[in-house]
Amino acid sequence: MKILFAVVIAGLLWPAQQRAARLKDLVAIEGVRENQLIGYGLVVGLAGTGDRRQAMFSAQSLTNMLERMGISVPATAIRVANTAAVMVTATLPPFAQPGMRIDSTSAAIGDCSNLQGGILLLTSLRGADGQVYAVSQGPVITGGFATGRGGASQTVNHPTVGRSPNGAIVERAAPSLTPRGFVRLQLRQSDFTTSARIVEVVNKKFANPAGAARSENAGLISVTIPPEYQSRTTEFIAELESLVVEADRPARVVVNERTGTIVLGKDVHIAPVGILHGNLSVEVQTTFAVSQPAPLSQGTTEVVPQTTVATKEEKARSVVLKQGATVEELVRALAAIGSTPRDVIAILQSLRSAGALEAEVEVI
């Protein structure tokens, strides 16, 4: 619990001037995006850990590949344990050019138990439009392993998924848009105040009587490329990305009840309120006693359960917050009375229901 409160208070005491961020960290250029690729392939060279007979498609894929090489083998006549069918995925970065190398990930789709030591055969990676944008081939590196024999086995991490660093080669240019005449900025987190501040900073940097930038909505800004940058779009975008903007962030409390984690922003304020919090614990214990009959008697030995109930109620602990109280004061006060993260979560939810917490409460 000490670590949790230390993290929260450290975030609260972060200097206000640090909230200024580069425009590059707040927005993305419309049309400049990554694209997902997917393909189906075979991993060979496994040490008997490949697909079994239940996965018929791996044997069919192997026979089809051999047939293209001039070797005709019926799919029902072969039985190999060193081959596994996998789905291969990759991410095509924006402006990727043919010849560039990217990473690919292979995941078993059959009943393969381990991809360790396998080699991915040439696999075409297609985009959402069905076009081939990259091909992948090479060793598959797993982050774990599985071993065992005779009913005893040991598995570390996830051996049925592997990665091939720089294992894919780009064959087709990425479908990225080059800005012409104007640039559209997409805010990573839509906010009207941040959008207006970006427009103000851009117009101040690139003086234009008509205004170089205008906000279309809370998440989209249109910026006209000045005449002196019409043939130097890259330099103009670089100038935009280096601008510093004071981003506005809504007051929000993020609660993870599964792990007991609480993240609170500095702008969270609390109205005058009194908090009374106590715990009631009930403990039920059952023990089993053996009832032994007297010697030479007709009785039988019996197991008699004995149940005891203990109730313990702690004294209520109180916290009083005055006008203008901050979350830092609330966290320090709750830590001082020995509240656990679960207690803080319950108190924050109650404060929100009472209208005393001036922030959004997001439970994840």
Protein backbone atom coordinates (compact mmCIF):
# COMPACT_ATOMS: atom_id res chain seq x y z
CA MET A 1 0.00 0.00 0.00
CA LYS A 2 2.91 2.35 0.65
CA ILE A 3 4.02 2.05 -2.96
CA LEU A 4 0.52 2.83 -4.22
CA PHE A 5 0.18 6.05 -2.23
CA ALA A 6 3.72 7.10 -3.09
CA VAL A 7 2.91 6.82 -6.79
CA VAL A 8 -0.32 8.78 -6.42
CA ILE A 9 1.24 11.62 -4.45
CA ALA A 10 4.19 11.84 -6.83
CA GLY A 11 1.76 12.38 -9.68
CA LEU A 12 -0.08 15.04 -7.72
CA LEU A 13 3.06 17.01 -6.95
CA TRP A 14 4.22 17.13 -10.59
CA PRO A 15 4.93 20.76 -11.55
CA ALA A 16 2.22 22.49 -13.55
CA GLN A 17 4.65 23.68 -16.22
CA GLN A 18 5.35 20.07 -17.16
CA ARG A 19 1.86 19.77 -18.65
CA ALA A 20 2.99 21.62 -21.76
CA ALA A 21 3.55 19.06 -24.52
CA ARG A 22 4.82 19.00 -28.06
CA LEU A 23 2.17 19.05 -30.74
CA LYS A 24 3.72 15.80 -31.98
CA ASP A 25 2.59 14.08 -28.77
CA LEU A 26 -0.96 15.48 -28.91
CA VAL A 27 -2.03 14.94 -32.53
CA ALA A 28 -1.62 12.60 -35.46
CA ILE A 29 -1.49 13.59 -39.14
CA GLU A 30 -4.58 12.43 -41.00
CA GLY A 31 -3.66 9.76 -43.54
CA VAL A 32 -0.34 8.96 -41.87
CA ARG A 33 -1.19 5.67 -40.20
CA GLU A 34 -0.11 2.08 -39.77
CA ASN A 35 -1.78 -0.84 -41.55
CA GLN A 36 -2.34 -4.37 -40.28
CA LEU A 37 -1.16 -7.34 -42.35
CA ILE A 38 -2.07 -11.01 -42.02
CA GLY A 39 -1.10 -14.26 -43.70
CA TYR A 40 -1.21 -18.05 -43.37
CA GLY A 41 1.97 -20.07 -43.32
CA LEU A 42 3.85 -23.14 -42.13
CA VAL A 43 6.55 -23.46 -39.50
CA VAL A 44 8.87 -26.43 -40.05
CA GLY A 45 11.82 -27.94 -38.21
CA LEU A 46 10.01 -28.55 -34.94
CA ALA A 47 11.30 -31.34 -32.70
CA GLY A 48 8.15 -33.45 -32.78
CA THR A 49 5.98 -30.68 -31.30
CA GLY A 50 4.04 -29.81 -34.47
CA ASP A 51 0.41 -30.40 -35.37
CA ARG A 52 -1.11 -33.82 -34.81
CA ARG A 53 -3.60 -35.69 -36.99
CA GLN A 54 -6.49 -33.59 -35.67
CA ALA A 55 -5.21 -30.54 -37.56
CA MET A 56 -5.75 -31.75 -41.14
CA PHE A 57 -5.17 -28.35 -42.76
CA SER A 58 -1.45 -28.35 -41.89
CA ALA A 59 -0.95 -31.65 -43.79
CA GLN A 60 -2.99 -30.33 -46.72
CA SER A 61 -0.93 -27.14 -46.81
CA LEU A 62 2.28 -29.15 -46.78
CA THR A 63 1.16 -31.41 -49.65
CA ASN A 64 0.04 -28.39 -51.70
CA MET A 65 3.45 -26.76 -51.23
CA LEU A 66 5.26 -29.97 -52.17
CA GLU A 67 3.06 -30.35 -55.26
CA ARG A 68 4.09 -26.89 -56.46
CA MET A 69 7.69 -28.12 -56.16
CA GLY A 70 6.97 -31.14 -58.31
CA ILE A 71 6.44 -33.70 -55.52
CA SER A 72 3.02 -35.35 -55.48
CA VAL A 73 2.04 -36.81 -52.09
CA PRO A 74 -1.55 -37.49 -50.95
CA ALA A 75 -2.51 -35.53 -47.85
CA THR A 76 -3.83 -38.70 -46.19
CA ALA A 77 -0.59 -40.59 -46.78
CA ILE A 78 1.76 -38.34 -44.83
CA ARG A 79 2.12 -37.94 -41.11
CA VAL A 80 4.65 -35.40 -39.93
CA ALA A 81 5.06 -34.00 -36.43
CA ASN A 82 7.63 -31.33 -37.26
CA THR A 83 5.25 -28.96 -39.08
CA ALA A 84 2.73 -26.49 -37.65
CA ALA A 85 0.20 -24.23 -39.32
CA VAL A 86 0.41 -20.63 -38.12
CA MET A 87 -1.22 -17.27 -38.68
CA VAL A 88 1.37 -14.57 -39.35
CA THR A 89 0.68 -10.93 -38.52
CA ALA A 90 2.67 -7.73 -39.00
CA THR A 91 2.23 -3.99 -38.84
CA LEU A 92 3.11 -1.96 -41.93
CA PRO A 93 4.41 1.47 -40.85
CA PRO A 94 3.43 4.62 -42.76
CA PHE A 95 5.57 5.49 -45.80
CA ALA A 96 7.19 2.03 -45.78
CA GLN A 97 9.08 1.45 -48.98
CA PRO A 98 9.82 -1.81 -50.83
CA GLY A 99 12.91 -3.46 -49.42
CA MET A 100 12.38 -2.28 -45.85
CA ARG A 101 12.26 -4.95 -43.14
CA ILE A 102 9.58 -5.19 -40.46
CA ASP A 103 8.86 -7.60 -37.61
CA SER A 104 6.32 -10.40 -37.92
CA THR A 105 4.56 -12.59 -35.34
CA SER A 106 3.56 -16.23 -35.83
CA ALA A 107 0.85 -17.94 -33.75
CA ALA A 108 -0.10 -21.61 -33.95
CA ILE A 109 -3.70 -22.31 -35.01
CA GLY A 110 -3.65 -26.11 -34.72
CA ASP A 111 -2.73 -28.41 -31.85
CA CYS A 112 0.98 -27.62 -31.99
CA SER A 113 2.52 -27.56 -28.50
CA ASN A 114 5.72 -25.63 -29.13
CA LEU A 115 7.16 -23.46 -31.93
CA GLN A 116 10.63 -23.34 -30.43
CA GLY A 117 13.39 -23.81 -32.99
CA GLY A 118 11.01 -23.63 -35.97
CA ILE A 119 11.50 -21.79 -39.25
CA LEU A 120 8.66 -19.97 -40.98
CA LEU A 121 8.40 -20.74 -44.68
CA LEU A 122 7.79 -17.98 -47.22
CA THR A 123 4.42 -16.42 -46.29
CA SER A 124 2.56 -13.63 -48.08
CA LEU A 125 1.18 -10.90 -45.82
CA ARG A 126 -1.92 -9.16 -47.13
CA GLY A 127 -3.74 -6.00 -46.16
CA ALA A 128 -7.46 -5.37 -45.79
CA ASP A 129 -7.69 -4.78 -49.57
CA GLY A 130 -6.34 -8.28 -50.32
CA GLN A 131 -3.07 -6.99 -51.80
CA VAL A 132 0.30 -8.49 -50.80
CA TYR A 133 2.37 -5.83 -49.03
CA ALA A 134 5.11 -7.98 -47.46
CA VAL A 135 6.50 -11.50 -47.32
CA SER A 136 7.91 -13.17 -44.22
CA GLN A 137 10.36 -16.04 -43.80
CA GLY A 138 12.93 -17.08 -41.25
CA PRO A 139 13.47 -18.34 -37.68
CA VAL A 140 10.67 -17.97 -35.14
CA ILE A 141 11.83 -16.87 -31.70
CA THR A 142 9.58 -17.86 -28.81
CA GLY A 143 9.62 -16.21 -25.41
CA GLY A 144 9.20 -19.52 -23.59
CA PHE A 145 9.56 -23.26 -23.82
CA ALA A 146 7.78 -26.49 -22.97
CA THR A 147 9.47 -29.70 -21.94
CA GLY A 148 8.57 -32.95 -20.21
CA ARG A 149 8.10 -36.69 -20.56
CA GLY A 150 6.24 -39.49 -18.87
CA GLY A 151 3.40 -37.39 -17.53
CA ALA A 152 5.64 -34.68 -16.04
CA SER A 153 5.92 -31.42 -17.98
CA GLN A 154 7.00 -27.85 -17.47
CA THR A 155 5.88 -24.85 -19.54
CA VAL A 156 7.40 -21.37 -19.30
CA ASN A 157 5.59 -18.37 -20.79
CA HIS A 158 3.74 -18.99 -24.08
CA PRO A 159 5.65 -21.25 -26.50
CA THR A 160 2.97 -21.37 -29.22
CA VAL A 161 3.56 -17.73 -30.27
CA GLY A 162 6.84 -16.56 -31.73
CA ARG A 163 8.32 -13.42 -33.24
CA SER A 164 10.63 -12.91 -36.20
CA PRO A 165 12.59 -9.65 -35.79
CA ASN A 166 13.06 -8.07 -39.22
CA GLY A 167 11.65 -11.30 -40.62
CA ALA A 168 9.37 -9.66 -43.21
CA ILE A 169 10.34 -7.67 -46.30
CA VAL A 170 8.06 -4.95 -47.64
CA GLU A 171 7.11 -5.61 -51.27
CA ARG A 172 4.60 -2.82 -51.88
CA ALA A 173 4.61 0.81 -50.71
CA ALA A 174 2.31 1.59 -47.81
CA PRO A 175 -0.96 3.33 -48.76
CA SER A 176 -0.16 6.61 -46.98
CA LEU A 177 -1.49 10.01 -48.05
CA THR A 178 0.86 12.91 -48.71
CA PRO A 179 -0.66 16.24 -47.54
CA ARG A 180 -1.37 18.62 -50.42
CA GLY A 181 -2.37 22.23 -49.75
CA PHE A 182 -3.46 21.61 -46.17
CA VAL A 183 -2.79 19.31 -43.24
CA ARG A 184 -5.45 17.86 -40.96
CA LEU A 185 -4.48 17.15 -37.36
CA GLN A 186 -6.34 14.50 -35.38
CA LEU A 187 -6.23 14.93 -31.60
CA ARG A 188 -5.36 11.72 -29.77
CA GLN A 189 -7.81 12.78 -27.04
CA SER A 190 -10.64 14.99 -28.27
CA ASP A 191 -10.97 18.19 -26.24
CA PHE A 192 -12.40 21.57 -27.27
CA THR A 193 -10.02 23.57 -25.06
CA THR A 194 -6.92 21.80 -26.36
CA SER A 195 -8.15 22.14 -29.94
CA ALA A 196 -8.60 25.93 -29.51
CA ARG A 197 -5.16 26.28 -27.93
CA ILE A 198 -3.52 24.41 -30.81
CA VAL A 199 -5.18 26.74 -33.32
CA GLU A 200 -3.95 29.75 -31.35
CA VAL A 201 -0.36 28.49 -31.20
CA VAL A 202 -0.25 27.54 -34.89
CA ASN A 203 -1.68 30.89 -36.04
CA LYS A 204 0.82 32.72 -33.85
CA LYS A 205 3.71 30.76 -35.35
CA PHE A 206 2.60 31.03 -38.99
CA ALA A 207 1.17 34.53 -39.29
CA ASN A 208 -1.57 34.62 -41.92
CA PRO A 209 -4.29 37.28 -42.29
CA ALA A 210 -6.85 34.61 -43.09
CA GLY A 211 -5.61 32.29 -40.33
CA ALA A 212 -3.45 29.28 -41.07
CA ALA A 213 -5.35 26.93 -38.76
CA ARG A 214 -8.98 26.45 -37.82
CA SER A 215 -10.70 23.97 -35.55
CA GLU A 216 -13.36 21.87 -37.25
CA ASN A 217 -14.39 20.12 -34.02
CA ALA A 218 -12.94 18.90 -30.73
CA GLY A 219 -10.88 16.22 -32.47
CA LEU A 220 -9.91 17.68 -35.86
CA ILE A 221 -7.92 20.76 -36.90
CA SER A 222 -7.28 21.88 -40.47
CA VAL A 223 -4.03 23.75 -41.16
CA THR A 224 -3.38 25.46 -44.49
CA ILE A 225 0.19 25.06 -45.72
CA PRO A 226 1.75 28.54 -46.15
CA PRO A 227 2.96 29.48 -49.66
CA GLU A 228 6.62 29.35 -48.63
CA TYR A 229 6.17 25.72 -47.56
CA GLN A 230 4.13 24.48 -50.54
CA SER A 231 7.11 22.61 -51.96
CA ARG A 232 8.47 21.70 -48.52
CA THR A 233 5.63 19.86 -46.84
CA THR A 234 7.93 17.70 -44.74
CA GLU A 235 9.69 20.75 -43.26
CA PHE A 236 6.31 22.36 -42.51
CA ILE A 237 5.02 19.31 -40.64
CA ALA A 238 8.30 19.14 -38.72
CA GLU A 239 7.78 22.78 -37.67
CA LEU A 240 4.22 21.97 -36.58
CA GLU A 241 5.26 18.96 -34.51
CA SER A 242 7.86 20.98 -32.59
CA LEU A 243 5.33 23.55 -31.34
CA VAL A 244 4.60 23.43 -27.61
CA VAL A 245 0.95 23.54 -26.51
CA GLU A 246 -0.56 23.67 -23.02
CA ALA A 247 -2.87 20.68 -23.20
CA ASP A 248 -6.04 20.66 -21.11
CA ARG A 249 -7.02 17.45 -19.39
CA PRO A 250 -10.34 16.72 -17.67
CA ALA A 251 -10.38 15.88 -13.99
CA ARG A 252 -10.57 12.12 -13.82
CA VAL A 253 -10.13 9.31 -11.32
CA VAL A 254 -9.26 5.89 -12.74
CA VAL A 255 -10.01 2.90 -10.53
CA ASN A 256 -9.00 -0.72 -11.13
CA GLU A 257 -10.92 -2.81 -8.63
CA ARG A 258 -9.24 -6.06 -9.70
CA THR A 259 -5.76 -4.89 -8.69
CA GLY A 260 -6.69 -2.18 -6.18
CA THR A 261 -4.95 0.53 -8.24
CA ILE A 262 -6.08 4.16 -8.12
CA VAL A 263 -4.82 6.97 -10.36
CA LEU A 264 -5.89 10.51 -9.50
CA GLY A 265 -5.20 13.70 -11.41
CA LYS A 266 -4.00 16.93 -9.83
CA ASP A 267 -7.07 18.88 -11.00
CA VAL A 268 -9.46 16.75 -8.97
CA HIS A 269 -11.14 18.84 -6.27
CA ILE A 270 -13.34 17.78 -3.40
CA ALA A 271 -16.23 19.73 -1.89
CA PRO A 272 -16.48 20.15 1.91
CA VAL A 273 -17.42 16.72 3.23
CA GLY A 274 -17.03 14.44 6.21
CA ILE A 275 -16.07 10.78 5.74
CA LEU A 276 -16.88 8.09 8.31
CA HIS A 277 -15.48 4.69 7.46
CA GLY A 278 -15.34 1.48 9.52
CA ASN A 279 -14.97 -2.26 9.06
CA LEU A 280 -16.98 -5.20 10.31
CA SER A 281 -15.37 -8.62 9.99
CA VAL A 282 -17.05 -11.96 10.67
CA GLU A 283 -14.89 -15.08 10.93
CA VAL A 284 -16.39 -18.57 10.86
CA GLN A 285 -14.15 -21.49 11.76
CA THR A 286 -15.00 -25.18 11.64
CA THR A 287 -12.92 -27.83 13.38
CA PHE A 288 -13.46 -31.58 13.39
CA ALA A 289 -13.22 -33.59 16.62
CA VAL A 290 -13.12 -37.38 16.82
CA SER A 291 -15.66 -38.97 19.21
CA GLN A 292 -14.24 -42.29 20.41
CA PRO A 293 -16.65 -44.82 22.06
CA ALA A 294 -15.81 -46.52 25.35
CA PRO A 295 -13.92 -49.84 25.24
CA LEU A 296 -16.08 -52.95 24.60
CA SER A 297 -19.09 -50.74 23.83
CA GLN A 298 -21.34 -51.08 20.80
CA GLY A 299 -20.68 -47.49 19.67
CA THR A 300 -18.77 -46.38 16.58
CA THR A 301 -16.16 -43.72 16.07
CA GLU A 302 -17.69 -40.49 14.75
CA VAL A 303 -16.25 -37.22 13.44
CA VAL A 304 -18.10 -34.32 15.06
CA PRO A 305 -17.79 -30.83 13.45
CA GLN A 306 -17.45 -27.92 15.86
CA THR A 307 -18.21 -24.46 14.48
CA THR A 308 -17.24 -21.18 16.12
CA VAL A 309 -18.24 -17.69 15.00
CA ALA A 310 -16.18 -14.62 15.92
CA THR A 311 -17.25 -11.07 15.15
CA LYS A 312 -14.95 -8.07 15.23
CA GLU A 313 -15.99 -4.52 14.46
CA GLU A 314 -13.43 -1.76 14.25
CA LYS A 315 -14.10 1.75 15.38
CA ALA A 316 -15.18 4.11 12.63
CA ARG A 317 -12.40 6.33 11.33
CA SER A 318 -13.31 9.85 10.31
CA VAL A 319 -11.82 12.38 7.91
CA VAL A 320 -13.06 15.96 7.53
CA LEU A 321 -12.21 17.94 4.38
CA LYS A 322 -12.75 21.68 4.18
CA GLN A 323 -13.46 23.99 1.26
CA GLY A 324 -10.81 23.85 -1.45
CA ALA A 325 -9.48 20.44 -0.41
CA THR A 326 -7.34 18.67 -2.98
CA VAL A 327 -6.88 15.02 -3.78
CA GLU A 328 -3.41 15.18 -2.26
CA GLU A 329 -4.95 16.09 1.11
CA LEU A 330 -7.52 13.31 0.76
CA VAL A 331 -4.88 10.66 -0.03
CA ARG A 332 -2.64 11.78 2.83
CA ALA A 333 -5.56 11.76 5.27
CA LEU A 334 -6.71 8.28 4.19
CA ALA A 335 -3.16 6.95 4.38
CA ALA A 336 -2.79 8.42 7.87
CA ILE A 337 -5.77 6.48 9.23
CA GLY A 338 -4.54 3.24 7.68
CA SER A 339 -6.96 2.92 4.75
CA THR A 340 -6.24 0.21 2.23
CA PRO A 341 -6.59 0.72 -1.54
CA ARG A 342 -9.92 -1.11 -1.40
CA ASP A 343 -11.10 1.35 1.24
CA VAL A 344 -10.03 4.31 -0.91
CA ILE A 345 -11.92 2.90 -3.90
CA ALA A 346 -15.11 2.54 -1.86
CA ILE A 347 -14.71 6.06 -0.44
CA LEU A 348 -14.13 7.61 -3.88
CA GLN A 349 -17.22 5.92 -5.30
CA SER A 350 -19.27 7.14 -2.34
CA LEU A 351 -17.92 10.68 -2.76
CA ARG A 352 -18.92 10.63 -6.42
CA SER A 353 -22.43 9.43 -5.55
CA ALA A 354 -22.73 12.19 -2.93
CA GLY A 355 -21.67 14.85 -5.47
CA ALA A 356 -18.60 15.83 -3.46
CA LEU A 357 -16.01 14.59 -5.99
CA GLU A 358 -15.63 17.02 -8.88
CA ALA A 359 -14.22 14.54 -11.38
CA GLU A 360 -15.11 11.65 -13.62
CA VAL A 361 -14.72 8.22 -12.05
CA GLU A 362 -13.66 5.59 -14.59
CA VAL A 363 -13.64 1.95 -13.49
CA ILE A 364 -11.50 -0.39 -15.61
